[in-house]
Amino acid sequence: MHDVNVDSQRVTTEPRAGAMPVRLAAPAGALAAVVGAFAYVGTVDPNEPGHYPACPLLQYTGIYCPGCGGLRSAHAVVHGDFLAALQDNALAVVGYVLFAVVWTVWVVRVVRGRRPLRMIELGPAHQWAVGALLLVFTVVRNLPFGGWLHP
């Protein structure tokens, strides 16, 4: 993937010609998949019944799960209505922003010739924090004072 040039005191690596498109294939593929999904959700309105399956937790218990409103949120983002997106599912909007940041870091690392991101590994403390955030979000959006978090 890289040619190594050895000069008397230093070793440098230079990417071979044509290596950049190959290195950008994975981030480009990931972006294409996300853009395709958002394009579909932007075209097929989740606010109209019958296009997507209903959330089983909401359907059978009346409890909003952390993902409830996520498709409506994505639809609102595609149409530039960011306030509606936040109201439909604020946590999903945070996820969209997080994806954009991680994807950008991934592309910058690839372009600069650094080791690409393989996987974001969360330690146990981070996993517990994410789980706690999801739980708190779910509980608050189902309490009377959390009505502003209902989709």
N, C-alpha and C. Protein backbone atom coordinates (compact mmCIF):
# COMPACT_ATOMS: atom_id res chain seq x y z
N MET A 1 0.81 -1.18 0.00
CA MET A 1 0.00 0.00 0.00
C MET A 1 0.86 1.25 0.00
N HIS A 2 1.96 1.25 0.69
CA HIS A 2 2.87 2.38 0.71
C HIS A 2 4.25 1.91 0.25
N ASP A 3 4.94 2.80 -0.43
CA ASP A 3 6.33 2.54 -0.77
C ASP A 3 7.19 3.15 0.32
N VAL A 4 8.21 2.47 0.71
CA VAL A 4 9.09 2.97 1.77
C VAL A 4 10.37 3.47 1.14
N ASN A 5 10.69 4.72 1.42
CA ASN A 5 11.95 5.32 0.96
C ASN A 5 12.88 5.44 2.14
N VAL A 6 14.06 4.87 2.00
CA VAL A 6 15.03 4.95 3.09
C VAL A 6 16.12 5.92 2.67
N ASP A 7 16.21 7.01 3.38
CA ASP A 7 17.25 8.01 3.16
C ASP A 7 18.20 7.84 4.34
N SER A 8 19.40 8.24 4.23
CA SER A 8 20.45 7.96 5.21
C SER A 8 19.97 7.93 6.66
N GLN A 9 19.18 8.90 7.10
CA GLN A 9 18.80 8.95 8.52
C GLN A 9 17.31 8.78 8.76
N ARG A 10 16.49 8.91 7.73
CA ARG A 10 15.05 8.89 7.99
C ARG A 10 14.34 7.92 7.06
N VAL A 11 13.20 7.47 7.53
CA VAL A 11 12.36 6.57 6.75
C VAL A 11 11.02 7.27 6.55
N THR A 12 10.59 7.42 5.31
CA THR A 12 9.30 8.03 5.04
C THR A 12 8.45 7.05 4.25
N THR A 13 7.17 7.18 4.42
CA THR A 13 6.25 6.37 3.61
C THR A 13 5.44 7.31 2.75
N GLU A 14 5.30 6.95 1.50
CA GLU A 14 4.51 7.73 0.58
C GLU A 14 3.48 6.81 -0.04
N PRO A 15 2.22 7.26 -0.06
CA PRO A 15 1.20 6.42 -0.68
C PRO A 15 1.44 6.29 -2.18
N ARG A 16 1.17 5.12 -2.72
CA ARG A 16 1.31 4.92 -4.15
C ARG A 16 0.19 5.64 -4.89
N ALA A 17 0.44 5.97 -6.12
CA ALA A 17 -0.58 6.61 -6.95
C ALA A 17 -1.79 5.69 -7.06
N GLY A 18 -2.97 6.26 -6.94
CA GLY A 18 -4.19 5.47 -7.04
C GLY A 18 -4.63 4.85 -5.73
N ALA A 19 -3.83 4.98 -4.68
CA ALA A 19 -4.20 4.38 -3.40
C ALA A 19 -5.32 5.15 -2.71
N MET A 20 -5.43 6.46 -2.95
CA MET A 20 -6.43 7.28 -2.27
C MET A 20 -7.86 6.80 -2.56
N PRO A 21 -8.24 6.56 -3.82
CA PRO A 21 -9.61 6.07 -4.06
C PRO A 21 -9.89 4.75 -3.35
N VAL A 22 -8.91 3.89 -3.28
CA VAL A 22 -9.09 2.61 -2.59
C VAL A 22 -9.31 2.85 -1.10
N ARG A 23 -8.51 3.75 -0.52
CA ARG A 23 -8.64 4.03 0.92
C ARG A 23 -9.95 4.73 1.23
N LEU A 24 -10.48 5.50 0.30
CA LEU A 24 -11.73 6.22 0.53
C LEU A 24 -12.97 5.37 0.22
N ALA A 25 -12.78 4.15 -0.25
CA ALA A 25 -13.92 3.32 -0.63
C ALA A 25 -14.84 3.01 0.55
N ALA A 26 -14.27 2.66 1.69
CA ALA A 26 -15.12 2.31 2.84
C ALA A 26 -15.91 3.51 3.37
N PRO A 27 -15.26 4.67 3.61
CA PRO A 27 -16.07 5.81 4.06
C PRO A 27 -17.09 6.25 3.01
N ALA A 28 -16.74 6.15 1.74
CA ALA A 28 -17.68 6.52 0.69
C ALA A 28 -18.87 5.56 0.67
N GLY A 29 -18.60 4.29 0.87
CA GLY A 29 -19.68 3.29 0.94
C GLY A 29 -20.59 3.53 2.13
N ALA A 30 -20.00 3.84 3.27
CA ALA A 30 -20.81 4.12 4.46
C ALA A 30 -21.68 5.35 4.24
N LEU A 31 -21.10 6.38 3.66
CA LEU A 31 -21.86 7.60 3.39
C LEU A 31 -22.97 7.34 2.38
N ALA A 32 -22.69 6.56 1.36
CA ALA A 32 -23.70 6.24 0.35
C ALA A 32 -24.88 5.50 0.98
N ALA A 33 -24.59 4.57 1.90
CA ALA A 33 -25.67 3.84 2.56
C ALA A 33 -26.53 4.77 3.41
N VAL A 34 -25.90 5.67 4.15
CA VAL A 34 -26.64 6.60 5.00
C VAL A 34 -27.44 7.57 4.15
N VAL A 35 -26.84 8.10 3.09
CA VAL A 35 -27.55 9.02 2.19
C VAL A 35 -28.73 8.31 1.54
N GLY A 36 -28.53 7.06 1.15
CA GLY A 36 -29.62 6.28 0.56
C GLY A 36 -30.77 6.08 1.53
N ALA A 37 -30.44 5.76 2.78
CA ALA A 37 -31.48 5.57 3.79
C ALA A 37 -32.23 6.88 4.06
N PHE A 38 -31.48 7.97 4.20
CA PHE A 38 -32.13 9.27 4.44
C PHE A 38 -32.96 9.69 3.22
N ALA A 39 -32.49 9.39 2.02
CA ALA A 39 -33.26 9.73 0.82
C ALA A 39 -34.57 8.96 0.79
N TYR A 40 -34.52 7.69 1.15
CA TYR A 40 -35.74 6.89 1.19
C TYR A 40 -36.72 7.44 2.21
N VAL A 41 -36.23 7.70 3.42
CA VAL A 41 -37.10 8.21 4.48
C VAL A 41 -37.59 9.62 4.13
N GLY A 42 -36.78 10.38 3.43
CA GLY A 42 -37.21 11.71 3.00
C GLY A 42 -38.29 11.65 1.94
N THR A 43 -38.29 10.59 1.15
CA THR A 43 -39.28 10.43 0.08
C THR A 43 -40.55 9.76 0.58
N VAL A 44 -40.41 8.72 1.39
CA VAL A 44 -41.56 7.98 1.90
C VAL A 44 -41.85 8.49 3.31
N ASP A 45 -42.85 9.33 3.42
CA ASP A 45 -43.17 10.06 4.66
C ASP A 45 -43.61 9.12 5.78
N PRO A 46 -42.85 9.07 6.89
CA PRO A 46 -43.26 8.23 8.02
C PRO A 46 -44.43 8.82 8.81
N ASN A 47 -44.82 10.06 8.51
CA ASN A 47 -45.98 10.66 9.18
C ASN A 47 -47.29 10.14 8.62
N GLU A 48 -47.25 9.51 7.46
CA GLU A 48 -48.44 8.91 6.88
C GLU A 48 -48.50 7.44 7.28
N PRO A 49 -49.62 7.01 7.84
CA PRO A 49 -49.72 5.61 8.30
C PRO A 49 -49.61 4.61 7.15
N GLY A 50 -49.07 3.45 7.47
CA GLY A 50 -49.01 2.35 6.52
C GLY A 50 -47.71 2.21 5.77
N HIS A 51 -46.80 3.18 5.88
CA HIS A 51 -45.54 3.08 5.15
C HIS A 51 -44.48 2.28 5.91
N TYR A 52 -44.51 2.36 7.22
CA TYR A 52 -43.50 1.69 8.06
C TYR A 52 -44.24 0.93 9.15
N PRO A 53 -43.63 -0.14 9.66
CA PRO A 53 -44.28 -0.84 10.78
C PRO A 53 -44.30 0.03 12.04
N ALA A 54 -45.31 -0.17 12.84
CA ALA A 54 -45.42 0.58 14.10
C ALA A 54 -44.46 -0.01 15.13
N CYS A 55 -44.04 0.83 16.06
CA CYS A 55 -43.18 0.37 17.15
C CYS A 55 -43.98 -0.60 18.02
N PRO A 56 -43.51 -1.84 18.17
CA PRO A 56 -44.28 -2.80 18.96
C PRO A 56 -44.43 -2.39 20.43
N LEU A 57 -43.39 -1.78 21.01
CA LEU A 57 -43.49 -1.35 22.41
C LEU A 57 -44.58 -0.29 22.56
N LEU A 58 -44.62 0.66 21.67
CA LEU A 58 -45.65 1.70 21.72
C LEU A 58 -47.02 1.11 21.42
N GLN A 59 -47.09 0.23 20.46
CA GLN A 59 -48.36 -0.35 20.05
C GLN A 59 -49.00 -1.17 21.17
N TYR A 60 -48.18 -1.94 21.91
CA TYR A 60 -48.75 -2.84 22.91
C TYR A 60 -48.75 -2.27 24.33
N THR A 61 -47.89 -1.30 24.61
CA THR A 61 -47.83 -0.79 25.99
C THR A 61 -48.12 0.71 26.08
N GLY A 62 -48.02 1.42 24.96
CA GLY A 62 -48.21 2.87 25.00
C GLY A 62 -46.97 3.61 25.49
N ILE A 63 -45.85 2.90 25.62
CA ILE A 63 -44.60 3.49 26.09
C ILE A 63 -43.72 3.81 24.88
N TYR A 64 -43.21 5.04 24.86
CA TYR A 64 -42.29 5.43 23.80
C TYR A 64 -40.90 4.87 24.09
N CYS A 65 -40.35 4.14 23.12
CA CYS A 65 -38.99 3.62 23.27
C CYS A 65 -38.00 4.71 22.86
N PRO A 66 -36.70 4.52 23.04
CA PRO A 66 -35.74 5.55 22.65
C PRO A 66 -35.72 5.82 21.15
N GLY A 67 -36.17 4.87 20.36
CA GLY A 67 -36.16 5.04 18.91
C GLY A 67 -37.44 5.61 18.34
N CYS A 68 -38.50 5.67 19.14
CA CYS A 68 -39.78 6.18 18.64
C CYS A 68 -39.60 7.61 18.12
N GLY A 69 -40.06 7.82 16.91
CA GLY A 69 -39.95 9.13 16.29
C GLY A 69 -38.67 9.31 15.49
N GLY A 70 -37.81 8.30 15.48
CA GLY A 70 -36.54 8.40 14.76
C GLY A 70 -36.71 8.58 13.26
N LEU A 71 -37.66 7.84 12.67
CA LEU A 71 -37.89 7.99 11.23
C LEU A 71 -38.48 9.36 10.92
N ARG A 72 -39.42 9.82 11.76
CA ARG A 72 -39.98 11.15 11.55
C ARG A 72 -38.91 12.22 11.72
N SER A 73 -38.00 11.98 12.65
CA SER A 73 -36.89 12.90 12.87
C SER A 73 -35.99 12.96 11.63
N ALA A 74 -35.67 11.80 11.07
CA ALA A 74 -34.84 11.75 9.86
C ALA A 74 -35.56 12.44 8.70
N HIS A 75 -36.85 12.22 8.57
CA HIS A 75 -37.64 12.86 7.53
C HIS A 75 -37.58 14.39 7.67
N ALA A 76 -37.71 14.86 8.90
CA ALA A 76 -37.65 16.31 9.15
C ALA A 76 -36.26 16.87 8.82
N VAL A 77 -35.21 16.12 9.15
CA VAL A 77 -33.85 16.57 8.84
C VAL A 77 -33.67 16.70 7.33
N VAL A 78 -34.15 15.70 6.58
CA VAL A 78 -34.03 15.73 5.12
C VAL A 78 -34.72 16.97 4.55
N HIS A 79 -35.83 17.36 5.16
CA HIS A 79 -36.59 18.50 4.67
C HIS A 79 -36.17 19.82 5.33
N GLY A 80 -35.09 19.78 6.13
CA GLY A 80 -34.54 21.00 6.71
C GLY A 80 -35.30 21.55 7.90
N ASP A 81 -36.21 20.78 8.47
CA ASP A 81 -36.99 21.23 9.62
C ASP A 81 -36.35 20.68 10.90
N PHE A 82 -35.30 21.35 11.36
CA PHE A 82 -34.50 20.84 12.47
C PHE A 82 -35.24 20.91 13.80
N LEU A 83 -36.11 21.88 13.98
CA LEU A 83 -36.90 21.95 15.22
C LEU A 83 -37.86 20.76 15.30
N ALA A 84 -38.51 20.43 14.20
CA ALA A 84 -39.39 19.26 14.18
C ALA A 84 -38.58 17.99 14.43
N ALA A 85 -37.37 17.92 13.85
CA ALA A 85 -36.51 16.75 14.05
C ALA A 85 -36.18 16.58 15.52
N LEU A 86 -35.84 17.68 16.19
CA LEU A 86 -35.54 17.62 17.63
C LEU A 86 -36.77 17.20 18.43
N GLN A 87 -37.94 17.68 18.04
CA GLN A 87 -39.15 17.33 18.77
C GLN A 87 -39.51 15.86 18.54
N ASP A 88 -39.30 15.36 17.33
CA ASP A 88 -39.64 13.97 17.03
C ASP A 88 -38.75 12.99 17.78
N ASN A 89 -37.45 13.25 17.82
CA ASN A 89 -36.54 12.40 18.59
C ASN A 89 -35.20 13.12 18.73
N ALA A 90 -35.04 13.83 19.83
CA ALA A 90 -33.83 14.62 20.07
C ALA A 90 -32.59 13.73 20.12
N LEU A 91 -32.73 12.54 20.68
CA LEU A 91 -31.58 11.64 20.78
C LEU A 91 -31.14 11.17 19.40
N ALA A 92 -32.07 10.97 18.49
CA ALA A 92 -31.72 10.58 17.13
C ALA A 92 -30.93 11.69 16.45
N VAL A 93 -31.33 12.94 16.67
CA VAL A 93 -30.60 14.06 16.07
C VAL A 93 -29.17 14.09 16.60
N VAL A 94 -29.00 13.83 17.88
CA VAL A 94 -27.64 13.74 18.45
C VAL A 94 -26.87 12.63 17.75
N GLY A 95 -27.54 11.51 17.48
CA GLY A 95 -26.91 10.41 16.76
C GLY A 95 -26.50 10.79 15.36
N TYR A 96 -27.33 11.57 14.66
CA TYR A 96 -26.99 12.01 13.31
C TYR A 96 -25.73 12.89 13.34
N VAL A 97 -25.69 13.78 14.30
CA VAL A 97 -24.53 14.68 14.43
C VAL A 97 -23.29 13.87 14.78
N LEU A 98 -23.43 12.91 15.70
CA LEU A 98 -22.30 12.06 16.07
C LEU A 98 -21.78 11.29 14.86
N PHE A 99 -22.69 10.76 14.06
CA PHE A 99 -22.26 10.05 12.85
C PHE A 99 -21.46 10.98 11.96
N ALA A 100 -21.96 12.20 11.75
CA ALA A 100 -21.28 13.16 10.88
C ALA A 100 -19.87 13.46 11.38
N VAL A 101 -19.72 13.60 12.69
CA VAL A 101 -18.40 13.89 13.27
C VAL A 101 -17.47 12.70 13.09
N VAL A 102 -17.94 11.51 13.42
CA VAL A 102 -17.11 10.31 13.31
C VAL A 102 -16.73 10.06 11.84
N TRP A 103 -17.68 10.24 10.93
CA TRP A 103 -17.40 10.04 9.51
C TRP A 103 -16.35 11.04 9.03
N THR A 104 -16.47 12.30 9.46
CA THR A 104 -15.51 13.32 9.04
C THR A 104 -14.11 12.99 9.56
N VAL A 105 -14.01 12.58 10.81
CA VAL A 105 -12.71 12.19 11.37
C VAL A 105 -12.13 11.02 10.58
N TRP A 106 -12.98 10.07 10.24
CA TRP A 106 -12.57 8.90 9.47
C TRP A 106 -11.97 9.34 8.13
N VAL A 107 -12.66 10.21 7.40
CA VAL A 107 -12.19 10.66 6.09
C VAL A 107 -10.89 11.45 6.22
N VAL A 108 -10.81 12.33 7.20
CA VAL A 108 -9.59 13.13 7.40
C VAL A 108 -8.41 12.21 7.68
N ARG A 109 -8.61 11.20 8.52
CA ARG A 109 -7.52 10.26 8.83
C ARG A 109 -7.09 9.51 7.57
N VAL A 110 -8.03 9.10 6.76
CA VAL A 110 -7.71 8.36 5.54
C VAL A 110 -6.95 9.26 4.57
N VAL A 111 -7.41 10.49 4.39
CA VAL A 111 -6.76 11.41 3.45
C VAL A 111 -5.35 11.74 3.90
N ARG A 112 -5.15 11.87 5.19
CA ARG A 112 -3.81 12.18 5.72
C ARG A 112 -2.90 10.96 5.76
N GLY A 113 -3.41 9.80 5.41
CA GLY A 113 -2.59 8.60 5.38
C GLY A 113 -2.44 7.95 6.74
N ARG A 114 -3.23 8.35 7.69
CA ARG A 114 -3.17 7.72 9.01
C ARG A 114 -3.97 6.44 9.02
N ARG A 115 -3.75 5.69 10.06
CA ARG A 115 -4.48 4.45 10.22
C ARG A 115 -5.97 4.77 10.31
N PRO A 116 -6.80 4.15 9.47
CA PRO A 116 -8.22 4.45 9.50
C PRO A 116 -8.88 3.92 10.78
N LEU A 117 -10.01 4.50 11.09
CA LEU A 117 -10.76 4.01 12.23
C LEU A 117 -11.26 2.61 11.92
N ARG A 118 -10.97 1.69 12.78
CA ARG A 118 -11.45 0.32 12.56
C ARG A 118 -12.81 0.15 13.20
N MET A 119 -12.89 0.55 14.43
CA MET A 119 -14.14 0.42 15.16
C MET A 119 -14.03 1.32 16.38
N ILE A 120 -15.13 1.90 16.74
CA ILE A 120 -15.14 2.69 17.96
C ILE A 120 -15.42 1.72 19.09
N GLU A 121 -14.43 1.53 19.92
CA GLU A 121 -14.59 0.59 21.02
C GLU A 121 -14.88 1.37 22.29
N LEU A 122 -16.03 1.09 22.86
CA LEU A 122 -16.42 1.73 24.11
C LEU A 122 -16.08 0.79 25.26
N GLY A 123 -15.43 1.34 26.25
CA GLY A 123 -15.14 0.56 27.45
C GLY A 123 -16.40 0.36 28.26
N PRO A 124 -16.33 -0.46 29.28
CA PRO A 124 -17.52 -0.73 30.11
C PRO A 124 -18.16 0.54 30.68
N ALA A 125 -17.34 1.49 31.13
CA ALA A 125 -17.91 2.71 31.70
C ALA A 125 -18.69 3.49 30.65
N HIS A 126 -18.17 3.56 29.43
CA HIS A 126 -18.88 4.25 28.35
C HIS A 126 -20.16 3.52 27.97
N GLN A 127 -20.10 2.20 27.95
CA GLN A 127 -21.29 1.41 27.63
C GLN A 127 -22.38 1.63 28.66
N TRP A 128 -22.01 1.66 29.93
CA TRP A 128 -22.98 1.93 31.00
C TRP A 128 -23.54 3.35 30.87
N ALA A 129 -22.69 4.29 30.51
CA ALA A 129 -23.14 5.68 30.35
C ALA A 129 -24.15 5.79 29.20
N VAL A 130 -23.88 5.13 28.08
CA VAL A 130 -24.81 5.15 26.95
C VAL A 130 -26.12 4.49 27.36
N GLY A 131 -26.03 3.35 28.02
CA GLY A 131 -27.24 2.67 28.50
C GLY A 131 -28.05 3.53 29.46
N ALA A 132 -27.35 4.21 30.37
CA ALA A 132 -28.04 5.09 31.32
C ALA A 132 -28.70 6.25 30.59
N LEU A 133 -28.02 6.82 29.60
CA LEU A 133 -28.59 7.92 28.82
C LEU A 133 -29.87 7.46 28.11
N LEU A 134 -29.82 6.29 27.49
CA LEU A 134 -31.00 5.75 26.81
C LEU A 134 -32.14 5.51 27.80
N LEU A 135 -31.80 4.97 28.96
CA LEU A 135 -32.83 4.69 29.97
C LEU A 135 -33.45 5.99 30.49
N VAL A 136 -32.63 6.97 30.82
CA VAL A 136 -33.15 8.25 31.31
C VAL A 136 -34.00 8.93 30.24
N PHE A 137 -33.52 8.93 29.00
CA PHE A 137 -34.29 9.51 27.91
C PHE A 137 -35.65 8.84 27.78
N THR A 138 -35.68 7.50 27.85
CA THR A 138 -36.92 6.75 27.73
C THR A 138 -37.87 7.06 28.88
N VAL A 139 -37.35 7.06 30.10
CA VAL A 139 -38.20 7.33 31.26
C VAL A 139 -38.75 8.74 31.20
N VAL A 140 -37.89 9.72 30.95
CA VAL A 140 -38.33 11.13 30.96
C VAL A 140 -39.35 11.38 29.86
N ARG A 141 -39.16 10.81 28.68
CA ARG A 141 -40.12 11.08 27.59
C ARG A 141 -41.46 10.43 27.84
N ASN A 142 -41.55 9.49 28.79
CA ASN A 142 -42.82 8.84 29.11
C ASN A 142 -43.48 9.40 30.36
N LEU A 143 -42.84 10.34 31.04
CA LEU A 143 -43.44 10.99 32.21
C LEU A 143 -44.21 12.23 31.76
N PRO A 144 -45.19 12.66 32.57
CA PRO A 144 -45.99 13.82 32.17
C PRO A 144 -45.15 15.07 31.87
N PHE A 145 -44.12 15.35 32.65
CA PHE A 145 -43.32 16.55 32.40
C PHE A 145 -42.37 16.39 31.22
N GLY A 146 -42.27 15.18 30.68
CA GLY A 146 -41.41 14.93 29.53
C GLY A 146 -42.17 14.90 28.22
N GLY A 147 -43.39 15.42 28.24
CA GLY A 147 -44.22 15.43 27.05
C GLY A 147 -43.58 16.12 25.86
N TRP A 148 -42.69 17.06 26.12
CA TRP A 148 -42.01 17.76 25.03
C TRP A 148 -41.05 16.83 24.28
N LEU A 149 -40.77 15.64 24.85
CA LEU A 149 -39.91 14.67 24.17
C LEU A 149 -40.71 13.60 23.41
N HIS A 150 -42.07 13.71 23.45
CA HIS A 150 -42.90 12.75 22.70
C HIS A 150 -42.74 13.02 21.20
N PRO A 151 -42.71 11.97 20.42
CA PRO A 151 -42.68 12.18 18.96
C PRO A 151 -44.00 12.73 18.43
